[in-house]
Amino acid sequence: MRFETIDILSRPMRTYVPDGTERAYYRGKRPAVVIFPGGGYQFTYEGEAEPIALRFAAEGICAFVLDYTTTDVASEVFPHAIREAFAAVRYVRTHAEEYGIDPQNIATCGFSAGGHLCACTGTLWNKPEAAQFFDTETETELSRPDKLLLCYPVIRGKAPGHIVSFYNLFGKENVTDELLEAYSLQNRVDEQTPQSFLWATSEDDAVPAQSSLEFAHALATHGVKYELHIWRDGGHGLCLGDHVTQAFPKKDTLPVAEWTRLAINFMYKD
């Protein structure tokens, strides 16, 4: 396993890459996933970082965890966090040969507010405002993920959404109805949005499942492939949904823990 920390626009990105040396046990090109932990754009939660990366890496997927800009490290989050997210995808794609990655199977994966950041990479890369996230036009295609893995994602600001994430992203004093509409990402889906895997729970009262349902509806409207799972039980911030990231015995693992197997299968699909 290759562990190292990469600098992405002055923010750290950790690598969890299966053996890629000459004596490696696997010779093919692997999928890759760039993980954005949640935390309401206030911090990045470790439960949605390394445990997730290790689960993907155990299944042969090259995993990267980006500790993007949040309010606990900077006075301004926007547009830095989104620029960093695109730069992380671009780094993985331009270093695909070095890591043994299939450059056409790179996903972003986000939890809660990190899910909003994940959805930004899939919906804003080809929009007019993308110029503020890229230094050159040639960066555009390199920065587009091939797949999105959205885990109880913040999608919209207005109820039933998560306005606090938007306050932290833009600054409460800067949030307007127009800004909320523009970054409520079900409104930004189009035919070029990457195929997506979404999951949430019906008991989540922090980021209601309606966000996932609306994003999936937008994908369906535009003919984009998607997979949607809504589990009945479980609140917000479930991470793996098992004893590794939750304070309960292994025998009490939630049905939602199935999401990792389903998401890994999704990564290996065309």
Protein backbone atom coordinates (compact mmCIF):
# COMPACT_ATOMS: atom_id res chain seq x y z
CA MET A 1 0.00 0.00 0.00
CA ARG A 2 1.28 3.44 -0.92
CA PHE A 3 0.64 6.03 1.80
CA GLU A 4 1.71 9.62 1.25
CA THR A 5 0.37 13.16 1.52
CA ILE A 6 0.08 15.32 -1.59
CA ASP A 7 -0.30 19.10 -1.65
CA ILE A 8 -3.42 20.20 -3.53
CA LEU A 9 -3.54 24.00 -3.72
CA SER A 10 -2.02 24.15 -0.22
CA ARG A 11 -4.43 21.57 1.22
CA PRO A 12 -3.35 18.00 2.10
CA MET A 13 -4.59 14.97 0.17
CA ARG A 14 -3.77 11.53 1.58
CA THR A 15 -3.23 8.53 -0.70
CA TYR A 16 -4.27 4.92 -0.06
CA VAL A 17 -3.08 3.18 -3.20
CA PRO A 18 -2.76 -0.61 -3.57
CA ASP A 19 0.70 -1.90 -4.48
CA GLY A 20 1.73 -0.73 -7.93
CA THR A 21 5.38 -1.78 -8.07
CA GLU A 22 6.92 -4.14 -10.63
CA ARG A 23 6.27 -7.08 -8.29
CA ALA A 24 2.63 -6.12 -7.71
CA TYR A 25 0.08 -8.93 -7.53
CA TYR A 26 -2.31 -7.06 -9.85
CA ARG A 27 -1.33 -5.77 -13.27
CA GLY A 28 -4.49 -4.06 -14.52
CA LYS A 29 -5.57 -0.44 -14.28
CA ARG A 30 -7.64 0.23 -11.17
CA PRO A 31 -10.57 2.56 -10.49
CA ALA A 32 -9.88 5.54 -8.24
CA VAL A 33 -11.98 7.55 -5.82
CA VAL A 34 -11.36 11.01 -4.35
CA ILE A 35 -13.10 11.27 -0.97
CA PHE A 36 -14.49 14.48 0.52
CA PRO A 37 -15.43 13.99 4.20
CA GLY A 38 -18.40 15.86 5.60
CA GLY A 39 -18.59 18.42 8.38
CA GLY A 40 -20.88 21.17 7.15
CA TYR A 41 -17.97 23.00 5.47
CA GLN A 42 -16.87 23.74 9.05
CA PHE A 43 -14.37 20.86 9.33
CA THR A 44 -13.61 17.51 7.68
CA TYR A 45 -14.76 14.56 9.76
CA GLU A 46 -12.20 11.76 10.05
CA GLY A 47 -14.86 9.03 10.31
CA GLU A 48 -15.70 9.79 6.68
CA ALA A 49 -12.06 9.86 5.63
CA GLU A 50 -9.54 7.08 6.36
CA PRO A 51 -12.06 4.32 7.23
CA ILE A 52 -13.76 4.90 3.88
CA ALA A 53 -10.46 5.00 1.99
CA LEU A 54 -9.27 1.76 3.56
CA ARG A 55 -12.52 -0.02 2.64
CA PHE A 56 -12.15 1.03 -0.99
CA ALA A 57 -8.44 0.19 -1.07
CA ALA A 58 -9.17 -3.28 0.33
CA GLU A 59 -11.25 -3.85 -2.81
CA GLY A 60 -8.47 -2.73 -5.15
CA ILE A 61 -9.66 0.85 -5.64
CA CYS A 62 -7.07 3.62 -5.36
CA ALA A 63 -8.37 6.03 -2.74
CA PHE A 64 -7.49 9.64 -2.01
CA VAL A 65 -8.79 11.77 0.87
CA LEU A 66 -8.86 15.55 0.42
CA ASP A 67 -8.88 17.78 3.50
CA TYR A 68 -10.39 20.72 1.63
CA THR A 69 -10.74 24.26 2.95
CA THR A 70 -13.32 24.70 5.72
CA THR A 71 -14.15 27.45 8.20
CA ASP A 72 -11.91 25.96 10.87
CA VAL A 73 -8.80 26.60 8.75
CA ALA A 74 -9.73 29.70 6.70
CA SER A 75 -11.93 32.78 6.85
CA GLU A 76 -13.25 32.12 3.34
CA VAL A 77 -14.30 28.72 2.00
CA PHE A 78 -15.71 29.69 -1.41
CA PRO A 79 -14.45 29.25 -4.07
CA HIS A 80 -11.37 27.56 -2.57
CA ALA A 81 -12.98 24.25 -1.57
CA ILE A 82 -14.47 23.75 -5.03
CA ARG A 83 -11.23 24.67 -6.76
CA GLU A 84 -9.39 22.18 -4.56
CA ALA A 85 -11.91 19.44 -5.35
CA PHE A 86 -11.45 19.91 -9.08
CA ALA A 87 -7.66 20.09 -8.65
CA ALA A 88 -7.72 16.79 -6.74
CA VAL A 89 -9.54 15.05 -9.61
CA ARG A 90 -7.11 16.59 -12.06
CA TYR A 91 -4.12 15.43 -10.04
CA VAL A 92 -5.37 11.84 -9.94
CA ARG A 93 -6.07 11.82 -13.67
CA THR A 94 -2.73 13.33 -14.69
CA HIS A 95 -0.90 10.88 -12.40
CA ALA A 96 -2.98 7.87 -13.41
CA GLU A 97 -0.09 6.05 -15.07
CA GLU A 98 2.10 6.48 -12.00
CA TYR A 99 -0.55 5.03 -9.66
CA GLY A 100 -1.84 2.33 -12.04
CA ILE A 101 -5.25 4.02 -12.35
CA ASP A 102 -7.76 3.82 -15.19
CA PRO A 103 -8.02 7.53 -16.13
CA GLN A 104 -11.57 6.97 -17.36
CA ASN A 105 -12.83 5.52 -14.08
CA ILE A 106 -12.21 8.22 -11.48
CA ALA A 107 -15.00 9.00 -9.03
CA THR A 108 -15.55 11.63 -6.41
CA CYS A 109 -17.19 10.47 -3.18
CA GLY A 110 -18.68 12.85 -0.63
CA PHE A 111 -20.50 12.67 2.68
CA SER A 112 -23.02 15.29 3.82
CA ALA A 113 -21.44 18.69 2.96
CA GLY A 114 -18.66 16.71 1.30
CA GLY A 115 -21.47 15.27 -0.83
CA HIS A 116 -22.32 18.79 -1.92
CA LEU A 117 -18.68 19.29 -2.90
CA CYS A 118 -18.77 15.95 -4.73
CA ALA A 119 -21.91 17.00 -6.62
CA CYS A 120 -20.22 20.33 -7.48
CA THR A 121 -17.48 18.44 -9.33
CA GLY A 122 -20.10 16.61 -11.39
CA THR A 123 -22.46 19.49 -12.15
CA LEU A 124 -20.41 22.70 -12.30
CA TRP A 125 -17.39 21.63 -14.38
CA ASN A 126 -19.09 22.67 -17.66
CA LYS A 127 -21.07 25.67 -16.41
CA PRO A 128 -20.31 29.37 -17.08
CA GLU A 129 -19.02 29.97 -13.54
CA ALA A 130 -16.44 27.16 -13.93
CA ALA A 131 -13.87 29.71 -15.07
CA GLN A 132 -13.37 30.77 -11.45
CA PHE A 133 -12.42 27.20 -10.52
CA PHE A 134 -9.90 26.57 -13.33
CA ASP A 135 -6.70 28.37 -14.31
CA THR A 136 -6.96 27.41 -17.99
CA GLU A 137 -9.64 26.11 -20.35
CA THR A 138 -7.67 22.91 -20.91
CA GLU A 139 -8.17 21.95 -17.25
CA THR A 140 -11.92 21.48 -17.74
CA GLU A 141 -12.11 17.93 -19.09
CA LEU A 142 -9.28 16.75 -16.84
CA SER A 143 -11.24 17.94 -13.81
CA ARG A 144 -14.50 16.12 -14.55
CA PRO A 145 -15.06 12.94 -12.51
CA ASP A 146 -16.39 9.90 -14.35
CA LYS A 147 -18.69 8.91 -11.48
CA LEU A 148 -20.22 10.42 -8.35
CA LEU A 149 -20.73 8.58 -5.06
CA LEU A 150 -23.10 10.71 -2.97
CA CYS A 151 -23.54 9.66 0.65
CA TYR A 152 -26.39 11.42 2.50
CA PRO A 153 -25.38 14.49 0.48
CA VAL A 154 -26.25 18.12 1.05
CA ILE A 155 -27.75 19.09 -2.29
CA ARG A 156 -30.01 22.05 -1.55
CA GLY A 157 -29.98 24.93 0.89
CA LYS A 158 -33.66 25.70 1.27
CA ALA A 159 -35.81 23.36 3.35
CA PRO A 160 -35.75 20.43 3.29
CA GLY A 161 -32.02 21.06 2.96
CA HIS A 162 -29.09 22.12 5.08
CA ILE A 163 -28.73 25.90 5.13
CA VAL A 164 -25.86 25.83 7.65
CA SER A 165 -23.57 24.23 5.05
CA PHE A 166 -24.35 27.11 2.69
CA TYR A 167 -23.69 29.67 5.43
CA ASN A 168 -20.27 28.13 6.03
CA LEU A 169 -19.49 27.79 2.32
CA PHE A 170 -20.35 31.36 1.33
CA GLY A 171 -20.51 33.27 4.61
CA LYS A 172 -23.95 33.84 6.14
CA GLU A 173 -23.98 37.51 5.18
CA ASN A 174 -23.41 36.63 1.51
CA VAL A 175 -26.15 34.04 1.09
CA THR A 176 -28.99 35.16 -1.20
CA ASP A 177 -31.93 33.35 -2.79
CA GLU A 178 -30.11 33.53 -6.13
CA LEU A 179 -27.00 31.93 -4.67
CA LEU A 180 -29.03 29.19 -3.00
CA GLU A 181 -30.72 28.40 -6.30
CA ALA A 182 -27.43 28.36 -8.21
CA TYR A 183 -25.74 25.99 -5.74
CA SER A 184 -28.74 23.79 -5.03
CA LEU A 185 -27.27 21.22 -7.34
CA GLN A 186 -30.39 19.41 -8.44
CA ASN A 187 -30.82 22.56 -10.55
CA ARG A 188 -27.44 22.10 -12.27
CA VAL A 189 -27.74 18.52 -13.50
CA ASP A 190 -27.54 18.10 -17.28
CA GLU A 191 -26.81 15.37 -19.82
CA GLN A 192 -23.06 15.65 -19.12
CA THR A 193 -23.37 15.02 -15.38
CA PRO A 194 -21.49 11.80 -14.50
CA GLN A 195 -23.38 8.63 -13.65
CA SER A 196 -24.12 8.63 -9.94
CA PHE A 197 -24.58 6.39 -6.91
CA LEU A 198 -26.64 7.89 -4.08
CA TRP A 199 -27.67 6.67 -0.66
CA ALA A 200 -29.44 8.13 2.37
CA THR A 201 -31.80 7.11 5.16
CA SER A 202 -35.41 8.10 5.71
CA GLU A 203 -34.68 8.83 9.38
CA ASP A 204 -32.02 11.46 8.62
CA ASP A 205 -33.37 14.70 10.04
CA ALA A 206 -30.13 16.67 9.52
CA VAL A 207 -29.93 16.29 5.73
CA PRO A 208 -33.31 14.88 4.66
CA ALA A 209 -33.39 12.20 1.98
CA GLN A 210 -35.39 14.55 -0.26
CA SER A 211 -32.06 15.99 -1.39
CA SER A 212 -30.97 12.62 -2.78
CA LEU A 213 -34.40 12.00 -4.27
CA GLU A 214 -34.40 15.36 -6.06
CA PHE A 215 -30.90 14.86 -7.43
CA ALA A 216 -31.84 11.38 -8.67
CA HIS A 217 -34.99 12.80 -10.27
CA ALA A 218 -32.86 15.38 -12.10
CA LEU A 219 -30.50 12.65 -13.31
CA ALA A 220 -33.44 10.62 -14.60
CA THR A 221 -34.88 13.67 -16.34
CA HIS A 222 -31.62 14.19 -18.21
CA GLY A 223 -31.06 10.53 -19.05
CA VAL A 224 -28.03 10.03 -16.78
CA LYS A 225 -27.42 6.57 -15.29
CA TYR A 226 -27.87 6.42 -11.55
CA GLU A 227 -28.37 4.08 -8.61
CA LEU A 228 -30.34 5.24 -5.56
CA HIS A 229 -30.68 3.53 -2.16
CA ILE A 230 -32.82 4.86 0.69
CA TRP A 231 -32.65 2.81 3.87
CA ARG A 232 -35.37 3.10 6.48
CA ASP A 233 -33.20 3.03 9.60
CA GLY A 234 -30.33 5.26 10.67
CA GLY A 235 -29.73 8.94 11.19
CA HIS A 236 -27.07 11.25 9.81
CA GLY A 237 -23.30 10.77 9.63
CA LEU A 238 -23.30 6.97 9.54
CA CYS A 239 -19.96 6.67 7.69
CA LEU A 240 -19.50 2.92 7.07
CA GLY A 241 -22.62 2.11 9.08
CA ASP A 242 -20.86 -0.62 11.04
CA HIS A 243 -18.78 -1.17 14.18
CA VAL A 244 -15.70 0.41 12.60
CA THR A 245 -17.19 3.93 12.63
CA GLN A 246 -20.15 3.56 15.02
CA ALA A 247 -20.24 3.02 18.79
CA PHE A 248 -22.10 -0.28 18.74
CA PRO A 249 -21.11 -3.96 18.65
CA LYS A 250 -20.47 -5.67 15.34
CA LYS A 251 -23.63 -7.74 15.79
CA ASP A 252 -25.64 -4.49 15.63
CA THR A 253 -24.35 -3.43 12.22
CA LEU A 254 -27.05 -1.47 10.37
CA PRO A 255 -28.51 -2.65 7.06
CA VAL A 256 -27.14 0.59 5.58
CA ALA A 257 -23.61 -0.86 5.91
CA GLU A 258 -24.41 -2.66 2.65
CA TRP A 259 -23.75 0.62 0.85
CA THR A 260 -20.01 0.02 0.56
CA ARG A 261 -20.44 -3.30 -1.28
CA LEU A 262 -22.96 -1.70 -3.62
CA ALA A 263 -20.78 1.35 -4.24
CA ILE A 264 -17.71 -0.80 -4.94
CA ASN A 265 -19.73 -2.82 -7.46
CA PHE A 266 -20.82 0.48 -9.03
CA MET A 267 -17.18 1.53 -9.37
CA TYR A 268 -16.37 -1.61 -11.35
CA LYS A 269 -19.29 -1.17 -13.75
CA ASP A 270 -18.90 0.54 -17.14
